[in-house]
């Protein structure tokens, strides 16, 4: 059996297509009434070497910055940490607009901060959707045959 098909680190370098859901209802989002244009975020897998390098840079920047007391952590602080981790994973969008302009990878910070995480079951902020997608190995490896 050729085990290179299980190389999730290499597979995660190719962006997967996350079909966004409404952050309150969980319904799939489309850019048109006919539901032919799904709202997609192109997401690298968290196991990719490029994503790990970007996340390492984020961590190192935080370590060299001012320290915040653990007890002073707020929901917004947790959300920002999630945004910092998710932002390097986004490489583009399909059928997502920022006003009249098509969203690009440069809009990742704006996109990830459109909602604040709230912890309610069934309600997933965009940042939560991106992280869940990026950490699900099946989104990059697919269903590899066992033979």
N, C-alpha and C. Protein backbone atom coordinates (compact mmCIF):
# COMPACT_ATOMS: atom_id res chain seq x y z
N UNK A 1 0.84 -1.18 0.00
CA UNK A 1 0.00 0.00 0.00
C UNK A 1 0.89 1.24 0.00
N UNK A 2 0.60 2.16 -0.87
CA UNK A 2 1.35 3.41 -0.97
C UNK A 2 0.81 4.41 0.05
N UNK A 3 1.60 4.70 1.06
CA UNK A 3 1.16 5.57 2.14
C UNK A 3 1.30 7.06 1.82
N UNK A 4 1.83 7.41 0.65
CA UNK A 4 1.92 8.83 0.32
C UNK A 4 0.54 9.46 0.18
N UNK A 5 -0.48 8.64 -0.08
CA UNK A 5 -1.84 9.19 -0.19
C UNK A 5 -2.36 9.67 1.17
N UNK A 6 -1.65 9.34 2.24
CA UNK A 6 -2.04 9.79 3.57
C UNK A 6 -1.23 11.02 4.02
N UNK A 7 -0.51 11.63 3.09
CA UNK A 7 0.30 12.81 3.41
C UNK A 7 -0.62 14.02 3.56
N UNK A 8 -1.19 14.15 4.73
CA UNK A 8 -2.14 15.26 4.97
C UNK A 8 -1.43 16.60 5.01
N UNK A 9 -0.14 16.62 5.33
CA UNK A 9 0.59 17.89 5.35
C UNK A 9 0.68 18.47 3.94
N UNK A 10 0.99 17.62 2.97
CA UNK A 10 1.06 18.09 1.58
C UNK A 10 -0.33 18.41 1.04
N UNK A 11 -1.30 17.55 1.34
CA UNK A 11 -2.66 17.77 0.84
C UNK A 11 -3.24 19.07 1.38
N UNK A 12 -2.88 19.43 2.61
CA UNK A 12 -3.41 20.64 3.24
C UNK A 12 -2.87 21.92 2.61
N UNK A 13 -1.83 21.80 1.77
CA UNK A 13 -1.29 22.97 1.06
C UNK A 13 -2.22 23.42 -0.07
N UNK A 14 -3.12 22.55 -0.49
CA UNK A 14 -4.09 22.89 -1.54
C UNK A 14 -5.36 23.33 -0.84
N UNK A 15 -5.78 24.55 -1.10
CA UNK A 15 -6.95 25.11 -0.39
C UNK A 15 -8.20 24.27 -0.65
N UNK A 16 -8.91 24.02 0.43
CA UNK A 16 -10.21 23.37 0.33
C UNK A 16 -11.30 24.42 0.21
N UNK A 17 -12.47 24.01 -0.26
CA UNK A 17 -13.58 24.94 -0.50
C UNK A 17 -14.60 24.79 0.62
N UNK A 18 -14.63 25.74 1.52
CA UNK A 18 -15.59 25.76 2.62
C UNK A 18 -16.85 26.49 2.16
N UNK A 19 -17.96 25.78 2.10
CA UNK A 19 -19.26 26.40 1.78
C UNK A 19 -19.79 26.96 3.09
N UNK A 20 -19.88 28.28 3.15
CA UNK A 20 -20.28 28.97 4.38
C UNK A 20 -21.74 28.71 4.73
N UNK A 21 -22.00 28.73 6.03
CA UNK A 21 -23.37 28.66 6.51
C UNK A 21 -23.71 29.95 7.25
N UNK A 22 -25.00 30.25 7.31
CA UNK A 22 -25.46 31.44 8.03
C UNK A 22 -25.04 31.30 9.49
N UNK A 23 -24.42 32.33 10.07
CA UNK A 23 -23.90 32.21 11.43
C UNK A 23 -24.97 32.03 12.51
N UNK A 24 -26.22 32.31 12.22
CA UNK A 24 -27.28 32.14 13.22
C UNK A 24 -28.16 30.93 12.92
N UNK A 25 -28.46 30.69 11.64
CA UNK A 25 -29.41 29.62 11.30
C UNK A 25 -28.75 28.33 10.86
N UNK A 26 -27.50 28.41 10.43
CA UNK A 26 -26.81 27.22 9.93
C UNK A 26 -27.14 26.86 8.50
N UNK A 27 -27.98 27.66 7.84
CA UNK A 27 -28.34 27.37 6.44
C UNK A 27 -27.18 27.73 5.51
N UNK A 28 -26.99 26.91 4.47
CA UNK A 28 -25.95 27.19 3.49
C UNK A 28 -26.20 28.55 2.84
N UNK A 29 -25.12 29.29 2.60
CA UNK A 29 -25.22 30.63 2.00
C UNK A 29 -24.91 30.58 0.51
N UNK A 30 -25.73 31.29 -0.24
CA UNK A 30 -25.57 31.42 -1.69
C UNK A 30 -25.62 32.90 -2.04
N UNK A 31 -24.93 33.27 -3.13
CA UNK A 31 -24.90 34.66 -3.58
C UNK A 31 -26.06 35.00 -4.49
N UNK A 32 -26.88 34.01 -4.83
CA UNK A 32 -28.00 34.25 -5.74
C UNK A 32 -29.25 33.50 -5.26
N UNK A 33 -30.40 33.98 -5.68
CA UNK A 33 -31.67 33.36 -5.28
C UNK A 33 -31.83 31.95 -5.83
N UNK A 34 -31.26 31.67 -6.99
CA UNK A 34 -31.36 30.34 -7.60
C UNK A 34 -30.48 29.31 -6.88
N UNK A 35 -29.68 29.77 -5.96
CA UNK A 35 -28.75 28.93 -5.19
C UNK A 35 -27.80 28.13 -6.08
N UNK A 36 -27.26 28.84 -7.06
CA UNK A 36 -26.28 28.24 -7.97
C UNK A 36 -24.87 28.76 -7.70
N UNK A 37 -24.75 29.79 -6.86
CA UNK A 37 -23.46 30.39 -6.57
C UNK A 37 -23.20 30.30 -5.06
N UNK A 38 -22.59 29.20 -4.62
CA UNK A 38 -22.33 29.05 -3.19
C UNK A 38 -21.28 30.06 -2.71
N UNK A 39 -21.45 30.54 -1.50
CA UNK A 39 -20.47 31.44 -0.88
C UNK A 39 -19.37 30.57 -0.29
N UNK A 40 -18.18 30.70 -0.85
CA UNK A 40 -17.06 29.81 -0.55
C UNK A 40 -15.89 30.60 0.02
N UNK A 41 -15.22 30.00 1.01
CA UNK A 41 -13.93 30.50 1.48
C UNK A 41 -12.90 29.43 1.12
N UNK A 42 -11.81 29.84 0.53
CA UNK A 42 -10.72 28.92 0.18
C UNK A 42 -9.77 28.86 1.36
N UNK A 43 -9.65 27.67 1.95
CA UNK A 43 -8.97 27.51 3.24
C UNK A 43 -7.87 26.46 3.15
N UNK A 44 -6.68 26.82 3.58
CA UNK A 44 -5.60 25.85 3.71
C UNK A 44 -5.86 25.00 4.94
N UNK A 45 -5.37 23.78 4.91
CA UNK A 45 -5.48 22.93 6.08
C UNK A 45 -4.50 23.36 7.15
N UNK A 46 -4.89 23.21 8.40
CA UNK A 46 -4.03 23.65 9.50
C UNK A 46 -2.74 22.84 9.58
N UNK A 47 -2.70 21.67 8.96
CA UNK A 47 -1.49 20.84 8.97
C UNK A 47 -0.47 21.26 7.92
N UNK A 48 -0.84 22.14 7.01
CA UNK A 48 0.09 22.52 5.94
C UNK A 48 1.31 23.22 6.53
N UNK A 49 2.43 23.01 5.89
CA UNK A 49 3.67 23.63 6.38
C UNK A 49 3.59 25.15 6.30
N UNK A 50 2.97 25.68 5.24
CA UNK A 50 2.87 27.14 5.12
C UNK A 50 1.96 27.71 6.21
N UNK A 51 0.88 27.01 6.54
CA UNK A 51 -0.01 27.47 7.61
C UNK A 51 0.71 27.42 8.95
N UNK A 52 1.46 26.36 9.19
CA UNK A 52 2.18 26.24 10.45
C UNK A 52 3.23 27.34 10.59
N UNK A 53 3.89 27.68 9.50
CA UNK A 53 4.87 28.77 9.53
C UNK A 53 4.20 30.10 9.86
N UNK A 54 3.03 30.35 9.26
CA UNK A 54 2.30 31.59 9.53
C UNK A 54 1.82 31.62 10.98
N UNK A 55 1.32 30.50 11.47
CA UNK A 55 0.85 30.44 12.86
C UNK A 55 2.00 30.61 13.84
N UNK A 56 3.17 30.08 13.49
CA UNK A 56 4.35 30.24 14.33
C UNK A 56 4.73 31.72 14.41
N UNK A 57 4.64 32.43 13.30
CA UNK A 57 4.95 33.87 13.28
C UNK A 57 3.97 34.64 14.14
N UNK A 58 2.69 34.28 14.09
CA UNK A 58 1.68 34.93 14.93
C UNK A 58 2.02 34.70 16.40
N UNK A 59 2.34 33.45 16.74
CA UNK A 59 2.68 33.12 18.13
C UNK A 59 3.91 33.89 18.60
N UNK A 60 4.94 33.93 17.77
CA UNK A 60 6.16 34.64 18.15
C UNK A 60 5.91 36.13 18.34
N UNK A 61 5.06 36.71 17.52
CA UNK A 61 4.73 38.13 17.68
C UNK A 61 4.01 38.36 19.01
N UNK A 62 3.13 37.43 19.38
CA UNK A 62 2.42 37.57 20.66
C UNK A 62 3.37 37.41 21.84
N UNK A 63 4.31 36.48 21.72
CA UNK A 63 5.25 36.25 22.81
C UNK A 63 6.16 37.45 23.03
N UNK A 64 6.47 38.17 21.97
CA UNK A 64 7.36 39.32 22.11
C UNK A 64 6.60 40.60 22.49
N UNK A 65 5.27 40.54 22.43
CA UNK A 65 4.45 41.71 22.76
C UNK A 65 4.13 41.77 24.25
N UNK A 66 3.36 42.79 24.66
CA UNK A 66 3.00 42.94 26.07
C UNK A 66 2.12 41.78 26.53
N UNK A 67 2.35 41.35 27.76
CA UNK A 67 1.59 40.24 28.32
C UNK A 67 0.29 40.76 28.94
N UNK A 68 -0.76 39.97 28.81
CA UNK A 68 -2.06 40.31 29.39
C UNK A 68 -2.36 39.28 30.48
N UNK A 69 -2.83 39.74 31.61
CA UNK A 69 -3.14 38.83 32.71
C UNK A 69 -4.21 37.83 32.27
N UNK A 70 -4.03 36.55 32.63
CA UNK A 70 -5.00 35.51 32.26
C UNK A 70 -6.39 35.86 32.72
N UNK A 71 -6.52 36.40 33.92
CA UNK A 71 -7.85 36.70 34.46
C UNK A 71 -8.55 37.82 33.70
N UNK A 72 -7.79 38.56 32.91
CA UNK A 72 -8.38 39.68 32.17
C UNK A 72 -8.88 39.25 30.79
N UNK A 73 -8.80 37.95 30.48
CA UNK A 73 -9.24 37.47 29.17
C UNK A 73 -10.75 37.60 29.04
N UNK A 74 -11.19 38.11 27.92
CA UNK A 74 -12.62 38.26 27.65
C UNK A 74 -12.99 37.39 26.45
N UNK A 75 -14.27 37.30 26.18
CA UNK A 75 -14.73 36.58 25.00
C UNK A 75 -14.12 37.19 23.75
N UNK A 76 -14.00 38.50 23.74
CA UNK A 76 -13.40 39.19 22.60
C UNK A 76 -11.93 38.81 22.44
N UNK A 77 -11.22 38.62 23.56
CA UNK A 77 -9.82 38.20 23.48
C UNK A 77 -9.71 36.80 22.87
N UNK A 78 -10.59 35.91 23.28
CA UNK A 78 -10.61 34.55 22.72
C UNK A 78 -10.92 34.61 21.23
N UNK A 79 -11.90 35.43 20.87
CA UNK A 79 -12.26 35.59 19.46
C UNK A 79 -11.06 36.08 18.66
N UNK A 80 -10.36 37.08 19.19
CA UNK A 80 -9.20 37.63 18.47
C UNK A 80 -8.11 36.58 18.30
N UNK A 81 -7.91 35.75 19.31
CA UNK A 81 -6.92 34.68 19.18
C UNK A 81 -7.33 33.71 18.06
N UNK A 82 -8.62 33.43 17.96
CA UNK A 82 -9.11 32.56 16.88
C UNK A 82 -8.92 33.22 15.52
N UNK A 83 -9.19 34.51 15.44
CA UNK A 83 -8.99 35.25 14.18
C UNK A 83 -7.52 35.20 13.78
N UNK A 84 -6.63 35.44 14.74
CA UNK A 84 -5.20 35.41 14.45
C UNK A 84 -4.77 34.05 13.91
N UNK A 85 -5.37 32.98 14.41
CA UNK A 85 -5.04 31.65 13.94
C UNK A 85 -5.67 31.31 12.61
N UNK A 86 -6.86 31.84 12.34
CA UNK A 86 -7.58 31.51 11.11
C UNK A 86 -7.15 32.35 9.91
N UNK A 87 -6.75 33.58 10.16
CA UNK A 87 -6.44 34.51 9.06
C UNK A 87 -5.40 33.96 8.08
N UNK A 88 -4.30 33.36 8.55
CA UNK A 88 -3.31 32.85 7.59
C UNK A 88 -3.80 31.66 6.76
N UNK A 89 -4.90 31.06 7.16
CA UNK A 89 -5.43 29.89 6.46
C UNK A 89 -6.28 30.27 5.25
N UNK A 90 -6.75 31.51 5.21
CA UNK A 90 -7.64 31.95 4.12
C UNK A 90 -6.81 32.45 2.94
N UNK A 91 -7.04 31.84 1.77
CA UNK A 91 -6.31 32.25 0.57
C UNK A 91 -7.21 32.86 -0.49
N UNK A 92 -8.50 32.93 -0.22
CA UNK A 92 -9.41 33.55 -1.18
C UNK A 92 -10.87 33.27 -0.88
N UNK A 93 -11.72 33.84 -1.73
CA UNK A 93 -13.17 33.70 -1.59
C UNK A 93 -13.78 33.50 -2.96
N UNK A 94 -14.96 32.90 -2.98
CA UNK A 94 -15.77 32.81 -4.20
C UNK A 94 -17.18 33.25 -3.84
N UNK A 95 -17.73 34.16 -4.60
CA UNK A 95 -19.10 34.63 -4.41
C UNK A 95 -19.32 35.29 -3.05
N UNK A 96 -18.28 35.91 -2.51
CA UNK A 96 -18.37 36.68 -1.27
C UNK A 96 -17.94 38.10 -1.62
N UNK A 97 -18.77 39.07 -1.27
CA UNK A 97 -18.47 40.46 -1.60
C UNK A 97 -18.36 41.30 -0.34
N UNK A 98 -17.54 42.32 -0.43
CA UNK A 98 -17.44 43.34 0.61
C UNK A 98 -17.99 44.60 -0.01
N UNK A 99 -19.28 44.83 0.21
CA UNK A 99 -19.97 45.90 -0.49
C UNK A 99 -20.13 45.49 -1.94
N UNK A 100 -19.64 46.31 -2.84
CA UNK A 100 -19.76 46.02 -4.28
C UNK A 100 -18.57 45.23 -4.81
N UNK A 101 -17.49 45.15 -4.04
CA UNK A 101 -16.27 44.49 -4.52
C UNK A 101 -16.19 43.05 -4.05
N UNK A 102 -15.64 42.20 -4.90
CA UNK A 102 -15.41 40.80 -4.52
C UNK A 102 -14.37 40.76 -3.41
N UNK A 103 -14.63 39.95 -2.40
CA UNK A 103 -13.68 39.79 -1.30
C UNK A 103 -12.44 39.06 -1.80
N UNK A 104 -11.29 39.43 -1.24
CA UNK A 104 -10.01 38.78 -1.55
C UNK A 104 -9.38 38.31 -0.25
N UNK A 105 -8.28 37.60 -0.36
CA UNK A 105 -7.58 37.13 0.83
C UNK A 105 -7.23 38.29 1.76
N UNK A 106 -7.00 39.47 1.21
CA UNK A 106 -6.68 40.65 2.03
C UNK A 106 -7.86 41.06 2.92
N UNK A 107 -9.06 40.57 2.62
CA UNK A 107 -10.25 40.89 3.42
C UNK A 107 -10.49 39.88 4.55
N UNK A 108 -9.57 38.98 4.77
CA UNK A 108 -9.78 37.92 5.77
C UNK A 108 -10.07 38.49 7.16
N UNK A 109 -9.33 39.50 7.59
CA UNK A 109 -9.54 40.07 8.92
C UNK A 109 -10.96 40.64 9.04
N UNK A 110 -11.38 41.39 8.04
CA UNK A 110 -12.75 41.94 8.02
C UNK A 110 -13.76 40.81 8.11
N UNK A 111 -13.61 39.80 7.27
CA UNK A 111 -14.54 38.68 7.20
C UNK A 111 -14.64 37.93 8.53
N UNK A 112 -13.50 37.64 9.13
CA UNK A 112 -13.47 36.85 10.37
C UNK A 112 -14.02 37.62 11.56
N UNK A 113 -14.09 38.93 11.45
CA UNK A 113 -14.60 39.76 12.55
C UNK A 113 -16.03 40.25 12.33
N UNK A 114 -16.74 39.67 11.37
CA UNK A 114 -18.12 40.09 11.13
C UNK A 114 -19.04 39.69 12.28
N UNK A 115 -18.69 38.64 13.00
CA UNK A 115 -19.43 38.26 14.20
C UNK A 115 -18.42 37.95 15.31
N UNK A 116 -18.91 37.98 16.53
CA UNK A 116 -18.13 37.55 17.69
C UNK A 116 -18.60 36.15 18.05
N UNK A 117 -17.70 35.27 18.40
CA UNK A 117 -18.12 33.93 18.82
C UNK A 117 -19.03 34.08 20.03
N UNK A 118 -20.00 33.16 20.16
CA UNK A 118 -20.91 33.27 21.31
C UNK A 118 -21.10 31.97 22.07
N UNK A 119 -20.60 30.86 21.56
CA UNK A 119 -20.69 29.60 22.28
C UNK A 119 -22.05 28.92 22.22
N UNK A 120 -22.99 29.48 21.49
CA UNK A 120 -24.32 28.86 21.39
C UNK A 120 -24.28 27.73 20.37
N UNK A 121 -24.83 26.58 20.76
CA UNK A 121 -24.88 25.44 19.85
C UNK A 121 -25.72 25.78 18.63
N UNK A 122 -25.20 25.42 17.46
CA UNK A 122 -25.91 25.68 16.22
C UNK A 122 -25.62 27.04 15.62
N UNK A 123 -24.97 27.91 16.37
CA UNK A 123 -24.58 29.23 15.86
C UNK A 123 -23.07 29.26 15.72
N UNK A 124 -22.59 29.36 14.49
CA UNK A 124 -21.16 29.34 14.26
C UNK A 124 -20.72 30.60 13.52
N UNK A 125 -19.92 31.41 14.21
CA UNK A 125 -19.32 32.57 13.57
C UNK A 125 -18.43 32.08 12.42
N UNK A 126 -18.17 32.95 11.46
CA UNK A 126 -17.34 32.55 10.33
C UNK A 126 -15.97 32.06 10.77
N UNK A 127 -15.40 32.68 11.80
CA UNK A 127 -14.09 32.25 12.28
C UNK A 127 -14.15 30.80 12.78
N UNK A 128 -15.23 30.42 13.43
CA UNK A 128 -15.38 29.04 13.90
C UNK A 128 -15.50 28.08 12.72
N UNK A 129 -16.24 28.49 11.70
CA UNK A 129 -16.41 27.63 10.52
C UNK A 129 -15.07 27.39 9.83
N UNK A 130 -14.27 28.43 9.71
CA UNK A 130 -12.96 28.31 9.05
C UNK A 130 -12.06 27.37 9.85
N UNK A 131 -12.00 27.55 11.16
CA UNK A 131 -11.13 26.71 11.99
C UNK A 131 -11.58 25.26 11.96
N UNK A 132 -12.87 25.02 12.08
CA UNK A 132 -13.37 23.64 12.03
C UNK A 132 -13.03 22.98 10.70
N UNK A 133 -13.19 23.71 9.61
CA UNK A 133 -12.89 23.17 8.28
C UNK A 133 -11.40 22.87 8.15
N UNK A 134 -10.57 23.82 8.57
CA UNK A 134 -9.12 23.69 8.41
C UNK A 134 -8.54 22.55 9.23
N UNK A 135 -9.17 22.21 10.33
CA UNK A 135 -8.64 21.16 11.19
C UNK A 135 -9.25 19.79 10.91
N UNK A 136 -10.16 19.71 9.97
CA UNK A 136 -10.78 18.43 9.61
C UNK A 136 -10.00 17.81 8.45
N UNK A 137 -9.19 16.83 8.77
CA UNK A 137 -8.31 16.19 7.80
C UNK A 137 -9.06 15.66 6.58
N UNK A 138 -10.28 15.23 6.76
CA UNK A 138 -11.07 14.67 5.65
C UNK A 138 -11.31 15.71 4.55
N UNK A 139 -11.28 16.99 4.88
CA UNK A 139 -11.48 18.04 3.88
C UNK A 139 -10.31 18.13 2.90
N UNK A 140 -9.17 17.55 3.25
CA UNK A 140 -7.99 17.62 2.40
C UNK A 140 -7.57 16.26 1.86
N UNK A 141 -7.70 15.23 2.68
CA UNK A 141 -7.33 13.88 2.23
C UNK A 141 -8.45 13.21 1.46
N UNK A 142 -9.67 13.64 1.71
CA UNK A 142 -10.80 12.98 1.05
C UNK A 142 -10.99 11.58 1.60
N UNK A 143 -11.62 10.75 0.83
CA UNK A 143 -11.86 9.36 1.23
C UNK A 143 -10.88 8.46 0.50
N UNK A 144 -9.66 8.41 0.98
CA UNK A 144 -8.63 7.58 0.34
C UNK A 144 -9.01 6.11 0.45
N UNK A 145 -8.83 5.41 -0.64
CA UNK A 145 -9.11 3.97 -0.65
C UNK A 145 -8.18 3.27 0.33
N UNK A 146 -8.66 2.24 0.96
CA UNK A 146 -7.84 1.53 1.94
C UNK A 146 -6.96 0.47 1.30
N UNK A 147 -7.06 0.28 0.00
CA UNK A 147 -6.23 -0.75 -0.64
C UNK A 147 -5.10 -0.13 -1.42
